[in-house]
């Protein structure tokens, strides 16, 4: 009985320790979620790393989206001290809504840091989700000189495409023109 009691208490303590920890090694967007286009025809997003407790030497992932809503137009690696030979976008499958990102550096990073900036043209009128995934078998995030990948949590971004708003100046000009038409009719009468 005592042994079962100790096992239950130990299990609860371990559960409490694991659930109380803050999320570490996260990748997502700097923009608030959902990401609003505000009626713009282009969209620029910043991919960021937050709360990295593991030292990062290199990482890779892909992101996917609905190409009927967003069209990838390019990106820039913003990873600190990025090695240009090992840091790049593979946009071979961008037309199908998949782009791979590879980052590498000779200087390790921890904590919060930028990874990349991606650019889209808004081509559709409905929303999409931009999901992150590991890009290939054996790929992932590595650090501290280890060849063993460590765990990274990815936060997808919900993109809300809004209709292009009609500026207030257009309404003001339209009402002014109607007023002039009305004055013109009065003077002819």
N, C-alpha and C. Protein backbone atom coordinates (compact mmCIF):
# COMPACT_ATOMS: atom_id res chain seq x y z
N UNK A 1 0.82 -1.19 0.00
CA UNK A 1 0.00 0.00 0.00
C UNK A 1 0.87 1.25 0.00
N UNK A 2 1.89 1.26 0.88
CA UNK A 2 2.80 2.40 0.97
C UNK A 2 3.55 2.60 -0.34
N UNK A 3 3.93 1.48 -0.96
CA UNK A 3 4.67 1.55 -2.22
C UNK A 3 3.80 2.16 -3.32
N UNK A 4 2.51 1.77 -3.38
CA UNK A 4 1.60 2.34 -4.37
C UNK A 4 1.40 3.83 -4.13
N UNK A 5 1.27 4.21 -2.87
CA UNK A 5 1.12 5.62 -2.51
C UNK A 5 2.31 6.43 -3.01
N UNK A 6 3.54 5.91 -2.78
CA UNK A 6 4.74 6.61 -3.24
C UNK A 6 4.79 6.72 -4.75
N UNK A 7 4.36 5.67 -5.44
CA UNK A 7 4.37 5.71 -6.91
C UNK A 7 3.38 6.76 -7.42
N UNK A 8 2.21 6.84 -6.81
CA UNK A 8 1.21 7.82 -7.23
C UNK A 8 1.71 9.24 -6.96
N UNK A 9 2.28 9.48 -5.80
CA UNK A 9 2.79 10.81 -5.45
C UNK A 9 3.93 11.20 -6.40
N UNK A 10 4.82 10.26 -6.69
CA UNK A 10 5.93 10.54 -7.61
C UNK A 10 5.41 10.85 -9.01
N UNK A 11 4.43 10.08 -9.48
CA UNK A 11 3.86 10.33 -10.80
C UNK A 11 3.21 11.70 -10.86
N UNK A 12 2.46 12.07 -9.83
CA UNK A 12 1.83 13.39 -9.80
C UNK A 12 2.86 14.51 -9.75
N UNK A 13 3.92 14.32 -9.00
CA UNK A 13 4.98 15.34 -8.93
C UNK A 13 5.64 15.51 -10.27
N UNK A 14 5.96 14.41 -10.95
CA UNK A 14 6.57 14.50 -12.28
C UNK A 14 5.62 15.16 -13.27
N UNK A 15 4.33 14.81 -13.19
CA UNK A 15 3.34 15.44 -14.06
C UNK A 15 3.28 16.94 -13.81
N UNK A 16 3.30 17.35 -12.57
CA UNK A 16 3.27 18.77 -12.22
C UNK A 16 4.50 19.50 -12.70
N UNK A 17 5.65 18.86 -12.63
CA UNK A 17 6.88 19.50 -13.10
C UNK A 17 6.87 19.67 -14.61
N UNK A 18 6.37 18.67 -15.33
CA UNK A 18 6.40 18.77 -16.79
C UNK A 18 5.33 19.72 -17.31
N UNK A 19 4.18 19.79 -16.65
CA UNK A 19 3.14 20.69 -17.15
C UNK A 19 3.39 22.13 -16.74
N UNK A 20 4.17 22.36 -15.73
CA UNK A 20 4.42 23.72 -15.27
C UNK A 20 5.55 24.42 -16.00
N UNK A 21 6.29 23.67 -16.82
CA UNK A 21 7.40 24.28 -17.52
C UNK A 21 6.91 25.12 -18.69
N UNK A 22 7.62 26.22 -18.94
CA UNK A 22 7.29 27.07 -20.08
C UNK A 22 7.74 26.37 -21.36
N UNK A 23 7.05 26.65 -22.44
CA UNK A 23 7.42 26.09 -23.72
C UNK A 23 8.77 26.64 -24.16
N UNK A 24 9.63 25.75 -24.58
CA UNK A 24 10.97 26.16 -25.02
C UNK A 24 11.18 25.72 -26.46
N UNK A 25 12.16 26.33 -27.11
CA UNK A 25 12.51 26.00 -28.49
C UNK A 25 11.30 26.10 -29.41
N UNK A 26 10.75 27.30 -29.54
CA UNK A 26 9.56 27.50 -30.36
C UNK A 26 9.88 28.33 -31.60
N UNK A 27 9.22 27.98 -32.71
CA UNK A 27 9.34 28.72 -33.96
C UNK A 27 7.94 29.12 -34.40
N UNK A 28 7.77 30.38 -34.78
CA UNK A 28 6.48 30.87 -35.25
C UNK A 28 6.65 32.22 -35.90
N UNK A 29 5.59 33.02 -35.91
CA UNK A 29 5.64 34.33 -36.54
C UNK A 29 5.69 35.44 -35.49
N UNK A 30 6.36 36.54 -35.82
CA UNK A 30 6.40 37.69 -34.93
C UNK A 30 5.06 38.42 -34.94
N UNK A 31 4.31 38.28 -36.02
CA UNK A 31 3.02 38.96 -36.15
C UNK A 31 1.97 38.29 -35.26
N UNK A 32 1.02 39.07 -34.75
CA UNK A 32 -0.04 38.47 -33.93
C UNK A 32 -0.90 37.52 -34.75
N UNK A 33 -1.44 36.50 -34.08
CA UNK A 33 -2.25 35.49 -34.73
C UNK A 33 -3.71 35.72 -34.38
N UNK A 34 -4.66 35.80 -35.31
CA UNK A 34 -4.47 35.58 -36.73
C UNK A 34 -3.79 36.77 -37.41
N UNK A 35 -3.12 36.48 -38.49
CA UNK A 35 -2.39 37.49 -39.25
C UNK A 35 -3.38 38.14 -40.22
N UNK A 36 -3.60 39.43 -40.08
CA UNK A 36 -4.56 40.16 -40.91
C UNK A 36 -3.84 40.79 -42.10
N UNK A 37 -4.39 40.62 -43.30
CA UNK A 37 -3.80 41.27 -44.48
C UNK A 37 -4.25 42.71 -44.59
N UNK A 38 -5.38 43.05 -43.97
CA UNK A 38 -5.87 44.43 -44.01
C UNK A 38 -6.20 44.92 -45.39
N UNK A 39 -6.48 44.01 -46.32
CA UNK A 39 -6.81 44.41 -47.68
C UNK A 39 -5.61 44.68 -48.57
N UNK A 40 -4.40 44.51 -48.04
CA UNK A 40 -3.19 44.75 -48.83
C UNK A 40 -3.01 43.64 -49.87
N UNK A 41 -2.31 43.96 -50.95
CA UNK A 41 -2.06 42.97 -51.99
C UNK A 41 -0.77 42.19 -51.74
N UNK A 42 0.02 42.62 -50.75
CA UNK A 42 1.24 41.90 -50.38
C UNK A 42 1.24 41.64 -48.88
N UNK A 43 2.01 40.63 -48.48
CA UNK A 43 2.11 40.26 -47.08
C UNK A 43 3.55 39.87 -46.77
N UNK A 44 4.14 40.49 -45.74
CA UNK A 44 5.48 40.15 -45.29
C UNK A 44 5.39 39.61 -43.88
N UNK A 45 5.98 38.44 -43.65
CA UNK A 45 5.94 37.79 -42.35
C UNK A 45 7.35 37.54 -41.84
N UNK A 46 7.52 37.68 -40.53
CA UNK A 46 8.82 37.43 -39.90
C UNK A 46 8.75 36.14 -39.10
N UNK A 47 9.58 35.16 -39.48
CA UNK A 47 9.68 33.91 -38.75
C UNK A 47 10.70 34.11 -37.64
N UNK A 48 10.32 33.81 -36.40
CA UNK A 48 11.19 34.05 -35.25
C UNK A 48 11.29 32.80 -34.39
N UNK A 49 12.38 32.74 -33.65
CA UNK A 49 12.60 31.70 -32.64
C UNK A 49 12.41 32.35 -31.28
N UNK A 50 11.74 31.64 -30.38
CA UNK A 50 11.54 32.17 -29.03
C UNK A 50 11.89 31.10 -28.01
N UNK A 51 12.45 31.56 -26.91
CA UNK A 51 12.75 30.72 -25.75
C UNK A 51 13.61 29.51 -26.08
N UNK A 52 14.60 29.68 -26.94
CA UNK A 52 15.49 28.56 -27.25
C UNK A 52 16.45 28.35 -26.08
N UNK A 53 16.31 27.21 -25.44
CA UNK A 53 17.23 26.85 -24.36
C UNK A 53 18.38 26.02 -24.90
N UNK A 54 18.15 25.34 -26.03
CA UNK A 54 19.21 24.58 -26.68
C UNK A 54 20.01 25.51 -27.58
N UNK A 55 21.31 25.34 -27.60
CA UNK A 55 22.19 26.14 -28.44
C UNK A 55 21.98 25.74 -29.90
N UNK A 56 21.73 26.72 -30.76
CA UNK A 56 21.45 26.46 -32.17
C UNK A 56 22.69 26.72 -33.01
N UNK A 57 23.09 25.70 -33.75
CA UNK A 57 24.14 25.85 -34.76
C UNK A 57 23.52 25.87 -36.16
N UNK A 58 22.45 25.08 -36.33
CA UNK A 58 21.81 24.98 -37.64
C UNK A 58 20.39 24.46 -37.45
N UNK A 59 19.57 24.73 -38.45
CA UNK A 59 18.20 24.23 -38.41
C UNK A 59 17.59 24.22 -39.79
N UNK A 60 16.56 23.40 -39.94
CA UNK A 60 15.84 23.37 -41.21
C UNK A 60 14.39 23.00 -40.93
N UNK A 61 13.51 23.53 -41.74
CA UNK A 61 12.09 23.24 -41.64
C UNK A 61 11.45 23.68 -42.95
N UNK A 62 10.21 23.27 -43.14
CA UNK A 62 9.48 23.81 -44.28
C UNK A 62 8.20 24.45 -43.77
N UNK A 63 7.62 25.29 -44.59
CA UNK A 63 6.32 25.84 -44.27
C UNK A 63 5.42 25.65 -45.48
N UNK A 64 4.14 25.41 -45.21
CA UNK A 64 3.17 25.13 -46.25
C UNK A 64 1.97 26.06 -46.09
N UNK A 65 1.30 26.34 -47.18
CA UNK A 65 0.14 27.23 -47.19
C UNK A 65 -0.69 26.92 -48.43
N UNK A 66 -1.83 27.58 -48.55
CA UNK A 66 -2.71 27.41 -49.71
C UNK A 66 -2.24 28.37 -50.80
N UNK A 67 -1.68 27.84 -51.92
CA UNK A 67 -1.20 28.73 -52.98
C UNK A 67 -2.32 29.44 -53.73
N UNK A 68 -3.58 29.05 -53.50
CA UNK A 68 -4.70 29.76 -54.08
C UNK A 68 -5.01 31.05 -53.34
N UNK A 69 -4.40 31.22 -52.15
CA UNK A 69 -4.62 32.41 -51.34
C UNK A 69 -3.38 33.29 -51.33
N UNK A 70 -2.20 32.69 -51.17
CA UNK A 70 -0.94 33.43 -51.12
C UNK A 70 0.03 32.87 -52.14
N UNK A 71 0.75 33.75 -52.82
CA UNK A 71 1.79 33.36 -53.77
C UNK A 71 3.14 33.82 -53.23
N UNK A 72 4.05 32.88 -53.00
CA UNK A 72 5.38 33.18 -52.47
C UNK A 72 6.17 34.01 -53.48
N UNK A 73 6.74 35.14 -53.03
CA UNK A 73 7.52 35.99 -53.92
C UNK A 73 8.99 36.08 -53.53
N UNK A 74 9.35 35.52 -52.37
CA UNK A 74 10.76 35.53 -51.98
C UNK A 74 10.91 35.59 -50.48
N UNK A 75 12.15 35.52 -50.07
CA UNK A 75 12.43 35.57 -48.64
C UNK A 75 13.88 35.93 -48.38
N UNK A 76 14.15 36.28 -47.14
CA UNK A 76 15.49 36.66 -46.71
C UNK A 76 15.80 35.94 -45.40
N UNK A 77 16.98 35.33 -45.32
CA UNK A 77 17.42 34.72 -44.07
C UNK A 77 17.90 35.84 -43.15
N UNK A 78 17.35 35.90 -41.95
CA UNK A 78 17.73 36.94 -40.98
C UNK A 78 18.35 36.33 -39.74
N UNK A 79 18.67 35.04 -39.80
CA UNK A 79 19.28 34.31 -38.69
C UNK A 79 20.61 34.99 -38.32
N UNK A 80 20.90 35.17 -37.01
CA UNK A 80 22.11 35.89 -36.62
C UNK A 80 23.38 35.19 -37.10
N UNK A 81 24.26 35.97 -37.70
CA UNK A 81 25.54 35.45 -38.20
C UNK A 81 25.37 34.28 -39.16
N UNK A 82 24.34 34.34 -39.98
CA UNK A 82 24.06 33.24 -40.91
C UNK A 82 25.20 33.06 -41.89
N UNK A 83 25.56 31.82 -42.12
CA UNK A 83 26.55 31.47 -43.13
C UNK A 83 25.81 31.40 -44.47
N UNK A 84 26.15 32.26 -45.44
CA UNK A 84 25.39 32.29 -46.70
C UNK A 84 25.45 30.99 -47.48
N UNK A 85 26.47 30.18 -47.25
CA UNK A 85 26.58 28.91 -47.97
C UNK A 85 25.58 27.89 -47.43
N UNK A 86 25.29 27.94 -46.14
CA UNK A 86 24.40 26.97 -45.51
C UNK A 86 23.03 27.54 -45.16
N UNK A 87 22.74 28.78 -45.54
CA UNK A 87 21.47 29.41 -45.20
C UNK A 87 20.78 29.87 -46.47
N UNK A 88 19.61 29.27 -46.75
CA UNK A 88 18.93 29.60 -48.00
C UNK A 88 17.48 29.10 -47.97
N UNK A 89 16.69 29.58 -48.93
CA UNK A 89 15.34 29.11 -49.18
C UNK A 89 15.40 28.14 -50.35
N UNK A 90 14.69 27.04 -50.27
CA UNK A 90 14.50 26.17 -51.43
C UNK A 90 13.04 26.34 -51.84
N UNK A 91 12.83 27.15 -52.88
CA UNK A 91 11.47 27.46 -53.31
C UNK A 91 11.06 26.66 -54.55
N UNK A 92 11.70 25.50 -54.77
CA UNK A 92 11.40 24.66 -55.92
C UNK A 92 9.91 24.33 -56.00
N UNK A 93 9.27 24.11 -54.84
CA UNK A 93 7.86 23.72 -54.81
C UNK A 93 6.94 24.85 -54.34
N UNK A 94 7.37 26.09 -54.48
CA UNK A 94 6.58 27.23 -54.01
C UNK A 94 5.23 27.33 -54.70
N UNK A 95 5.15 26.94 -55.98
CA UNK A 95 3.88 27.00 -56.71
C UNK A 95 2.84 26.06 -56.11
N UNK A 96 3.29 25.01 -55.40
CA UNK A 96 2.36 24.08 -54.75
C UNK A 96 2.16 24.42 -53.28
N UNK A 97 2.79 25.51 -52.80
CA UNK A 97 2.60 25.95 -51.42
C UNK A 97 3.57 25.33 -50.43
N UNK A 98 4.79 25.02 -50.87
CA UNK A 98 5.79 24.46 -49.96
C UNK A 98 7.14 25.14 -50.22
N UNK A 99 7.76 25.66 -49.15
CA UNK A 99 9.11 26.22 -49.23
C UNK A 99 9.91 25.69 -48.05
N UNK A 100 11.15 25.26 -48.32
CA UNK A 100 12.04 24.79 -47.26
C UNK A 100 13.01 25.90 -46.89
N UNK A 101 13.33 25.98 -45.60
CA UNK A 101 14.27 26.97 -45.09
C UNK A 101 15.42 26.22 -44.42
N UNK A 102 16.64 26.59 -44.78
CA UNK A 102 17.83 26.01 -44.16
C UNK A 102 18.65 27.16 -43.58
N UNK A 103 19.01 27.06 -42.30
CA UNK A 103 19.83 28.08 -41.66
C UNK A 103 21.03 27.42 -41.00
N UNK A 104 22.16 28.07 -41.14
CA UNK A 104 23.37 27.57 -40.51
C UNK A 104 24.27 28.73 -40.13
N UNK A 105 25.03 28.55 -39.07
CA UNK A 105 25.87 29.63 -38.57
C UNK A 105 27.08 29.04 -37.88
N UNK A 106 28.16 29.78 -37.93
CA UNK A 106 29.36 29.38 -37.18
C UNK A 106 29.30 29.90 -35.76
N UNK A 107 28.35 30.79 -35.48
CA UNK A 107 28.17 31.35 -34.14
C UNK A 107 26.84 30.86 -33.61
N UNK A 108 26.83 30.18 -32.49
CA UNK A 108 25.61 29.60 -31.94
C UNK A 108 24.70 30.68 -31.36
N UNK A 109 23.40 30.37 -31.33
CA UNK A 109 22.42 31.31 -30.79
C UNK A 109 21.53 30.59 -29.77
N UNK A 110 21.06 31.33 -28.79
CA UNK A 110 20.06 30.85 -27.84
C UNK A 110 19.08 31.99 -27.58
N UNK A 111 18.02 31.70 -26.83
CA UNK A 111 17.06 32.74 -26.47
C UNK A 111 16.10 33.03 -27.61
N UNK A 112 15.91 34.32 -27.91
CA UNK A 112 15.00 34.77 -28.97
C UNK A 112 15.84 35.34 -30.11
N UNK A 113 15.51 34.96 -31.33
CA UNK A 113 16.24 35.50 -32.48
C UNK A 113 15.40 35.37 -33.74
N UNK A 114 15.74 36.20 -34.73
CA UNK A 114 15.07 36.16 -36.03
C UNK A 114 15.59 34.97 -36.82
N UNK A 115 14.74 34.42 -37.67
CA UNK A 115 15.15 33.33 -38.54
C UNK A 115 15.10 33.78 -40.00
N UNK A 116 13.94 34.27 -40.43
CA UNK A 116 13.78 34.65 -41.84
C UNK A 116 12.58 35.58 -42.00
N UNK A 117 12.56 36.27 -43.13
CA UNK A 117 11.42 37.07 -43.55
C UNK A 117 10.91 36.47 -44.84
N UNK A 118 9.59 36.27 -44.94
CA UNK A 118 9.01 35.73 -46.17
C UNK A 118 7.99 36.71 -46.73
N UNK A 119 7.90 36.74 -48.04
CA UNK A 119 7.02 37.68 -48.74
C UNK A 119 6.04 36.92 -49.62
N UNK A 120 4.80 37.40 -49.62
CA UNK A 120 3.75 36.81 -50.44
C UNK A 120 2.99 37.91 -51.17
N UNK A 121 2.40 37.55 -52.30
CA UNK A 121 1.34 38.33 -52.92
C UNK A 121 0.03 37.69 -52.47
N UNK A 122 -0.95 38.51 -52.11
CA UNK A 122 -2.27 38.00 -51.74
C UNK A 122 -3.05 37.83 -53.03
N UNK A 123 -3.39 36.58 -53.36
CA UNK A 123 -4.05 36.30 -54.64
C UNK A 123 -5.45 35.74 -54.47
N UNK A 124 -5.85 35.40 -53.24
CA UNK A 124 -7.16 34.82 -53.01
C UNK A 124 -7.96 35.62 -52.01
N UNK A 125 -9.23 35.29 -51.92
CA UNK A 125 -10.10 36.04 -51.03
C UNK A 125 -10.50 35.30 -49.77
N UNK A 126 -9.86 34.18 -49.48
CA UNK A 126 -10.18 33.46 -48.25
C UNK A 126 -8.90 33.26 -47.45
N UNK A 127 -9.04 32.83 -46.21
CA UNK A 127 -7.88 32.66 -45.34
C UNK A 127 -7.14 31.37 -45.59
N UNK A 128 -5.96 31.26 -45.00
CA UNK A 128 -5.15 30.05 -45.08
C UNK A 128 -4.35 29.91 -43.79
N UNK A 129 -3.86 28.72 -43.56
CA UNK A 129 -2.97 28.46 -42.43
C UNK A 129 -1.59 28.20 -42.97
N UNK A 130 -0.59 28.84 -42.36
CA UNK A 130 0.80 28.55 -42.72
C UNK A 130 1.34 27.62 -41.64
N UNK A 131 1.60 26.38 -42.04
CA UNK A 131 2.07 25.35 -41.12
C UNK A 131 3.57 25.15 -41.26
N UNK A 132 4.22 24.79 -40.15
CA UNK A 132 5.63 24.44 -40.16
C UNK A 132 5.77 22.94 -39.96
N UNK A 133 6.77 22.34 -40.60
CA UNK A 133 7.06 20.92 -40.45
C UNK A 133 8.57 20.71 -40.56
N UNK A 134 9.03 19.56 -40.08
CA UNK A 134 10.42 19.21 -40.35
C UNK A 134 10.55 19.00 -41.85
N UNK A 135 11.63 19.50 -42.41
CA UNK A 135 11.72 19.53 -43.87
C UNK A 135 12.12 18.22 -44.51
N UNK A 136 12.89 17.39 -43.84
CA UNK A 136 13.33 16.15 -44.46
C UNK A 136 13.75 15.17 -43.38
N UNK A 137 13.86 13.91 -43.75
CA UNK A 137 14.27 12.88 -42.81
C UNK A 137 15.69 13.15 -42.33
N UNK A 138 15.89 13.22 -41.05
CA UNK A 138 17.22 13.48 -40.50
C UNK A 138 17.53 14.96 -40.36
N UNK A 139 16.61 15.80 -40.85
CA UNK A 139 16.81 17.24 -40.69
C UNK A 139 16.19 17.69 -39.37
N UNK A 140 16.33 18.92 -39.05
CA UNK A 140 15.76 19.47 -37.83
C UNK A 140 16.69 20.53 -37.29
N UNK A 141 16.72 20.68 -35.98
CA UNK A 141 17.55 21.68 -35.33
C UNK A 141 18.67 20.99 -34.56
N UNK A 142 19.90 21.50 -34.72
CA UNK A 142 21.07 20.92 -34.09
C UNK A 142 21.84 22.01 -33.37
N UNK A 143 22.58 21.63 -32.36
CA UNK A 143 23.37 22.62 -31.65
C UNK A 143 24.39 21.99 -30.73
N UNK A 144 25.31 22.83 -30.27
CA UNK A 144 26.33 22.38 -29.34
C UNK A 144 27.27 21.35 -29.92
N UNK A 145 27.43 21.36 -31.24
CA UNK A 145 28.32 20.41 -31.89
C UNK A 145 27.75 19.01 -31.98
N UNK A 146 26.51 18.81 -31.58
CA UNK A 146 25.89 17.48 -31.59
C UNK A 146 25.21 17.23 -32.92
N UNK A 147 25.27 16.00 -33.38
CA UNK A 147 24.58 15.60 -34.60
C UNK A 147 23.18 15.08 -34.31
N UNK A 148 22.77 15.14 -33.04
CA UNK A 148 21.44 14.66 -32.65
C UNK A 148 20.48 15.84 -32.64
N UNK A 149 19.40 15.77 -33.42
CA UNK A 149 18.46 16.90 -33.44
C UNK A 149 17.72 17.04 -32.12
N UNK A 150 17.36 18.28 -31.77
CA UNK A 150 16.55 18.51 -30.58
C UNK A 150 15.16 18.97 -30.98
N UNK A 151 14.24 18.94 -30.03
CA UNK A 151 12.82 19.18 -30.30
C UNK A 151 12.53 20.67 -30.40
N UNK A 152 11.78 21.04 -31.43
CA UNK A 152 11.31 22.41 -31.62
C UNK A 152 9.80 22.36 -31.81
N UNK A 153 9.09 23.23 -31.09
CA UNK A 153 7.64 23.35 -31.24
C UNK A 153 7.35 24.43 -32.28
N UNK A 154 6.49 24.12 -33.23
CA UNK A 154 6.12 25.06 -34.28
C UNK A 154 4.71 25.59 -34.05
N UNK A 155 4.53 26.90 -34.22
CA UNK A 155 3.22 27.53 -34.06
C UNK A 155 2.74 27.99 -35.44
N UNK A 156 1.68 27.39 -35.97
CA UNK A 156 1.21 27.82 -37.29
C UNK A 156 0.60 29.21 -37.24
N UNK A 157 0.54 29.86 -38.37
CA UNK A 157 -0.08 31.18 -38.46
C UNK A 157 -1.36 31.12 -39.27
N UNK A 158 -2.42 31.66 -38.75
CA UNK A 158 -3.69 31.75 -39.48
C UNK A 158 -3.72 33.09 -40.20
N UNK A 159 -3.77 33.07 -41.52
CA UNK A 159 -3.80 34.30 -42.31
C UNK A 159 -5.24 34.62 -42.67
N UNK A 160 -5.71 35.78 -42.24
CA UNK A 160 -7.07 36.23 -42.54
C UNK A 160 -6.99 37.27 -43.65
N UNK A 161 -7.48 36.91 -44.82
CA UNK A 161 -7.44 37.82 -45.97
C UNK A 161 -8.70 38.68 -45.92
N UNK A 162 -8.50 39.99 -45.84
CA UNK A 162 -9.62 40.93 -45.77
C UNK A 162 -9.84 41.58 -47.13
N UNK A 163 -11.07 41.97 -47.40
CA UNK A 163 -11.38 42.70 -48.62
C UNK A 163 -10.68 44.06 -48.58
N UNK A 164 -10.37 44.57 -49.75
CA UNK A 164 -9.72 45.88 -49.82
C UNK A 164 -10.72 46.94 -49.41
N UNK A 165 -10.44 47.69 -48.34
CA UNK A 165 -11.39 48.71 -47.90
C UNK A 165 -11.39 49.91 -48.84
N UNK A 166 -12.57 50.51 -49.01
CA UNK A 166 -12.67 51.72 -49.82
C UNK A 166 -12.25 52.89 -48.92
N UNK A 167 -11.23 53.65 -49.33
CA UNK A 167 -10.77 54.75 -48.49
C UNK A 167 -11.85 55.81 -48.28
N UNK A 168 -11.81 56.45 -47.13
CA UNK A 168 -12.78 57.50 -46.80
C UNK A 168 -12.74 58.64 -47.82
N UNK A 169 -11.58 58.91 -48.39
CA UNK A 169 -11.45 59.99 -49.37
C UNK A 169 -12.31 59.73 -50.60
N UNK A 170 -12.45 58.46 -50.98
CA UNK A 170 -13.28 58.13 -52.14
C UNK A 170 -14.73 58.46 -51.84
N UNK A 171 -15.20 58.10 -50.63
CA UNK A 171 -16.58 58.42 -50.24
C UNK A 171 -16.78 59.93 -50.20
N UNK A 172 -15.80 60.65 -49.66
CA UNK A 172 -15.91 62.11 -49.57
C UNK A 172 -15.95 62.73 -50.96
N UNK A 173 -15.09 62.26 -51.85
CA UNK A 173 -15.07 62.80 -53.20
C UNK A 173 -16.37 62.47 -53.93
N UNK A 174 -16.89 61.25 -53.73
CA UNK A 174 -18.15 60.86 -54.35
C UNK A 174 -19.31 61.73 -53.90
N UNK A 175 -19.38 62.01 -52.58
CA UNK A 175 -20.46 62.86 -52.09
C UNK A 175 -20.29 64.29 -52.59
N UNK A 176 -19.06 64.75 -52.74
CA UNK A 176 -18.81 66.09 -53.29
C UNK A 176 -19.25 66.20 -54.74
N UNK A 177 -18.97 65.16 -55.52
CA UNK A 177 -19.40 65.15 -56.92
C UNK A 177 -20.92 65.14 -57.04
N UNK A 178 -21.57 64.37 -56.17
CA UNK A 178 -23.04 64.36 -56.18
C UNK A 178 -23.59 65.75 -55.84
N UNK A 179 -22.95 66.42 -54.90
CA UNK A 179 -23.36 67.78 -54.54
C UNK A 179 -23.21 68.73 -55.70
N UNK A 180 -22.11 68.63 -56.43
CA UNK A 180 -21.90 69.49 -57.60
C UNK A 180 -22.92 69.21 -58.70
N UNK A 181 -23.27 67.93 -58.88
CA UNK A 181 -24.30 67.58 -59.87
C UNK A 181 -25.63 68.21 -59.46
N UNK A 182 -25.94 68.15 -58.18
CA UNK A 182 -27.18 68.75 -57.68
C UNK A 182 -27.19 70.25 -57.88
N UNK A 183 -26.08 70.91 -57.61
CA UNK A 183 -25.99 72.38 -57.81
C UNK A 183 -26.11 72.71 -59.29
N UNK A 184 -25.50 71.89 -60.15
CA UNK A 184 -25.58 72.11 -61.58
C UNK A 184 -27.00 72.01 -62.10
N UNK A 185 -27.78 71.08 -61.57
CA UNK A 185 -29.17 70.92 -61.99
C UNK A 185 -30.01 72.11 -61.54
N UNK A 186 -29.73 72.66 -60.36
CA UNK A 186 -30.50 73.80 -59.84
C UNK A 186 -30.24 75.05 -60.69
N UNK A 187 -28.99 75.26 -61.09
CA UNK A 187 -28.68 76.46 -61.85
C UNK A 187 -29.25 76.39 -63.26
N UNK A 188 -29.45 75.20 -63.82
CA UNK A 188 -30.02 75.05 -65.16
C UNK A 188 -31.53 75.23 -65.12
N UNK A 189 -32.14 75.02 -64.01
CA UNK A 189 -33.61 75.10 -63.92
C UNK A 189 -34.11 76.50 -63.88
